[in-house]
Amino acid sequence: MEKIIACCGLNCATCDARIATVTNDIELLIETTEKWKVHYKVSDISAEMIKCTGCGEEGVKMIHCSQCEIRSCVKSKNYQTCADCELMEKCAMVGKIHKYDPGTLGNLKLSKQL
């Protein structure tokens, strides 16, 4: 399985918004928007707002990724991901993601070994 690890450890390769963006699948983009409206309890997102090529990839970023404090921190330190930071496992900022999705920490640790 392909992995494109975001700054925080999320696997962008499995993100429906990214898949829809890079394959130009408008139906999947709209479907994903509707799912996310329910899942994240937000009504004010549109398909255009979630277009994304991936956190560390060139191209368009969904509104959250373009404003993400974790991504900003990583980029300000010239890191690829949080795996490059010695504080990764103690960081409260990225810890929120790891608590929500424990697989993200594993993704970062694995990427560090490669």
C-alpha atoms as a PDB file:
ATOM      1  CA  MET A   1       0.000   0.000   0.000  1.00  0.00           C
ATOM      2  CA  GLU A   2       1.288   3.441  -0.949  1.00  0.00           C
ATOM      3  CA  LYS A   3       2.063   5.836   1.875  1.00  0.00           C
ATOM      4  CA  ILE A   4       2.375   9.595   1.583  1.00  0.00           C
ATOM      5  CA  ILE A   5       2.983  10.719   5.131  1.00  0.00           C
ATOM      6  CA  ALA A   6       1.782  14.161   6.130  1.00  0.00           C
ATOM      7  CA  CYS A   7       3.683  16.347   8.587  1.00  0.00           C
ATOM      8  CA  CYS A   8       1.588  14.961  11.470  1.00  0.00           C
ATOM      9  CA  GLY A   9       1.716  11.330  10.362  1.00  0.00           C
ATOM     10  CA  LEU A  10      -1.602  11.019   8.550  1.00  0.00           C
ATOM     11  CA  ASN A  11      -1.350   8.941   5.379  1.00  0.00           C
ATOM     12  CA  CYS A  12      -2.430  11.283   2.592  1.00  0.00           C
ATOM     13  CA  ALA A  13      -2.449   8.376   0.113  1.00  0.00           C
ATOM     14  CA  THR A  14      -5.612   7.021   1.771  1.00  0.00           C
ATOM     15  CA  CYS A  15      -7.417  10.368   2.017  1.00  0.00           C
ATOM     16  CA  ASP A  16     -10.506  10.513  -0.185  1.00  0.00           C
ATOM     17  CA  ALA A  17     -10.070  14.264  -0.718  1.00  0.00           C
ATOM     18  CA  ARG A  18      -6.551  13.716  -2.079  1.00  0.00           C
ATOM     19  CA  ILE A  19      -7.615  10.719  -4.183  1.00  0.00           C
ATOM     20  CA  ALA A  20     -10.490  12.738  -5.668  1.00  0.00           C
ATOM     21  CA  THR A  21      -8.210  15.709  -6.336  1.00  0.00           C
ATOM     22  CA  VAL A  22      -5.392  13.846  -8.081  1.00  0.00           C
ATOM     23  CA  THR A  23      -7.791  11.689 -10.128  1.00  0.00           C
ATOM     24  CA  ASN A  24     -10.122  14.618 -10.852  1.00  0.00           C
ATOM     25  CA  ASP A  25     -13.060  12.572  -9.498  1.00  0.00           C
ATOM     26  CA  ILE A  26     -15.677  15.249  -8.863  1.00  0.00           C
ATOM     27  CA  GLU A  27     -18.266  12.732  -7.625  1.00  0.00           C
ATOM     28  CA  LEU A  28     -15.868  11.409  -4.958  1.00  0.00           C
ATOM     29  CA  LEU A  29     -14.976  14.959  -3.964  1.00  0.00           C
ATOM     30  CA  ILE A  30     -18.650  15.856  -3.463  1.00  0.00           C
ATOM     31  CA  GLU A  31     -19.323  12.572  -1.631  1.00  0.00           C
ATOM     32  CA  THR A  32     -16.341  13.195   0.657  1.00  0.00           C
ATOM     33  CA  THR A  33     -17.522  16.728   1.365  1.00  0.00           C
ATOM     34  CA  GLU A  34     -20.917  15.445   2.440  1.00  0.00           C
ATOM     35  CA  LYS A  35     -19.369  12.748   4.677  1.00  0.00           C
ATOM     36  CA  TRP A  36     -17.043  15.273   6.299  1.00  0.00           C
ATOM     37  CA  LYS A  37     -19.883  17.707   6.965  1.00  0.00           C
ATOM     38  CA  VAL A  38     -21.483  15.021   9.128  1.00  0.00           C
ATOM     39  CA  HIS A  39     -18.294  13.538  10.596  1.00  0.00           C
ATOM     40  CA  TYR A  40     -16.716  16.861  11.569  1.00  0.00           C
ATOM     41  CA  LYS A  41     -20.057  18.557  12.325  1.00  0.00           C
ATOM     42  CA  VAL A  42     -19.461  21.451   9.944  1.00  0.00           C
ATOM     43  CA  SER A  43     -21.893  22.702   7.369  1.00  0.00           C
ATOM     44  CA  ASP A  44     -19.835  25.403   5.724  1.00  0.00           C
ATOM     45  CA  ILE A  45     -17.367  23.349   3.681  1.00  0.00           C
ATOM     46  CA  SER A  46     -17.524  22.867  -0.052  1.00  0.00           C
ATOM     47  CA  ALA A  47     -15.928  20.427  -2.467  1.00  0.00           C
ATOM     48  CA  GLU A  48     -13.648  23.223  -3.640  1.00  0.00           C
ATOM     49  CA  MET A  49     -12.394  23.770  -0.073  1.00  0.00           C
ATOM     50  CA  ILE A  50     -11.273  20.158   0.401  1.00  0.00           C
ATOM     51  CA  LYS A  51      -9.275  19.772  -2.807  1.00  0.00           C
ATOM     52  CA  CYS A  52      -5.790  18.663  -1.766  1.00  0.00           C
ATOM     53  CA  THR A  53      -2.732  16.975  -3.260  1.00  0.00           C
ATOM     54  CA  GLY A  54      -1.305  16.068   0.144  1.00  0.00           C
ATOM     55  CA  CYS A  55       0.382  17.910   2.977  1.00  0.00           C
ATOM     56  CA  GLY A  56       3.951  17.500   1.771  1.00  0.00           C
ATOM     57  CA  GLU A  57       3.222  17.379  -1.939  1.00  0.00           C
ATOM     58  CA  GLU A  58       3.236  20.243  -4.434  1.00  0.00           C
ATOM     59  CA  GLY A  59      -0.152  21.579  -5.407  1.00  0.00           C
ATOM     60  CA  VAL A  60      -3.409  22.671  -3.851  1.00  0.00           C
ATOM     61  CA  LYS A  61      -4.035  22.210  -0.121  1.00  0.00           C
ATOM     62  CA  MET A  62      -7.397  21.851   1.553  1.00  0.00           C
ATOM     63  CA  ILE A  63      -8.244  24.802   3.735  1.00  0.00           C
ATOM     64  CA  HIS A  64      -7.291  22.971   6.947  1.00  0.00           C
ATOM     65  CA  CYS A  65      -3.873  21.884   5.641  1.00  0.00           C
ATOM     66  CA  SER A  66      -3.005  25.352   4.390  1.00  0.00           C
ATOM     67  CA  GLN A  67      -3.674  26.750   7.890  1.00  0.00           C
ATOM     68  CA  CYS A  68      -2.429  23.766   9.941  1.00  0.00           C
ATOM     69  CA  GLU A  69      -0.228  24.752  12.901  1.00  0.00           C
ATOM     70  CA  ILE A  70       1.572  21.398  12.773  1.00  0.00           C
ATOM     71  CA  ARG A  71       2.435  21.827   9.090  1.00  0.00           C
ATOM     72  CA  SER A  72       3.552  25.413   9.761  1.00  0.00           C
ATOM     73  CA  CYS A  73       5.808  24.249  12.596  1.00  0.00           C
ATOM     74  CA  VAL A  74       7.373  21.503  10.477  1.00  0.00           C
ATOM     75  CA  LYS A  75       7.970  23.842   7.550  1.00  0.00           C
ATOM     76  CA  SER A  76       9.416  26.594   9.790  1.00  0.00           C
ATOM     77  CA  LYS A  77      12.046  24.119  11.024  1.00  0.00           C
ATOM     78  CA  ASN A  78      12.790  22.851   7.488  1.00  0.00           C
ATOM     79  CA  TYR A  79      11.675  19.338   8.474  1.00  0.00           C
ATOM     80  CA  GLN A  80       9.841  16.893   6.234  1.00  0.00           C
ATOM     81  CA  THR A  81       7.546  15.647   9.034  1.00  0.00           C
ATOM     82  CA  CYS A  82       7.305  15.674  12.809  1.00  0.00           C
ATOM     83  CA  ALA A  83       9.483  12.525  12.726  1.00  0.00           C
ATOM     84  CA  ASP A  84      12.465  14.839  12.184  1.00  0.00           C
ATOM     85  CA  CYS A  85      11.822  16.537  15.533  1.00  0.00           C
ATOM     86  CA  GLU A  86      13.278  15.145  18.746  1.00  0.00           C
ATOM     87  CA  LEU A  87      10.186  16.387  20.614  1.00  0.00           C
ATOM     88  CA  MET A  88       7.721  14.450  18.446  1.00  0.00           C
ATOM     89  CA  GLU A  89       6.458  12.084  21.158  1.00  0.00           C
ATOM     90  CA  LYS A  90       6.171  14.859  23.755  1.00  0.00           C
ATOM     91  CA  CYS A  91       4.650  17.552  21.553  1.00  0.00           C
ATOM     92  CA  ALA A  92       1.150  18.581  22.630  1.00  0.00           C
ATOM     93  CA  MET A  93       0.382  20.011  19.190  1.00  0.00           C
ATOM     94  CA  VAL A  94       0.886  16.792  17.202  1.00  0.00           C
ATOM     95  CA  GLY A  95      -0.185  14.724  20.200  1.00  0.00           C
ATOM     96  CA  LYS A  96      -3.779  15.747  19.507  1.00  0.00           C
ATOM     97  CA  ILE A  97      -3.603  13.966  16.158  1.00  0.00           C
ATOM     98  CA  HIS A  98      -1.879  10.916  17.638  1.00  0.00           C
ATOM     99  CA  LYS A  99      -4.578  10.645  20.301  1.00  0.00           C
ATOM    100  CA  TYR A 100      -7.321  10.831  17.665  1.00  0.00           C
ATOM    101  CA  ASP A 101      -5.533   8.491  15.247  1.00  0.00           C
ATOM    102  CA  PRO A 102      -2.814   6.381  16.930  1.00  0.00           C
ATOM    103  CA  GLY A 103      -1.652   5.079  13.541  1.00  0.00           C
ATOM    104  CA  THR A 104      -0.184   8.491  12.798  1.00  0.00           C
ATOM    105  CA  LEU A 105       2.567   8.068  15.389  1.00  0.00           C
ATOM    106  CA  GLY A 106       3.421   4.675  13.902  1.00  0.00           C
ATOM    107  CA  ASN A 107       3.569   6.214  10.429  1.00  0.00           C
ATOM    108  CA  LEU A 108       6.027   8.834  11.671  1.00  0.00           C
ATOM    109  CA  LYS A 109       8.206   6.301  13.469  1.00  0.00           C
ATOM    110  CA  LEU A 110       8.269   4.091  10.374  1.00  0.00           C
ATOM    111  CA  SER A 111       9.131   7.020   8.107  1.00  0.00           C
ATOM    112  CA  LYS A 112      12.009   7.911  10.432  1.00  0.00           C
ATOM    113  CA  GLN A 113      13.478   4.419   9.961  1.00  0.00           C
ATOM    114  CA  LEU A 114      13.416   4.638   6.157  1.00  0.00           C
END
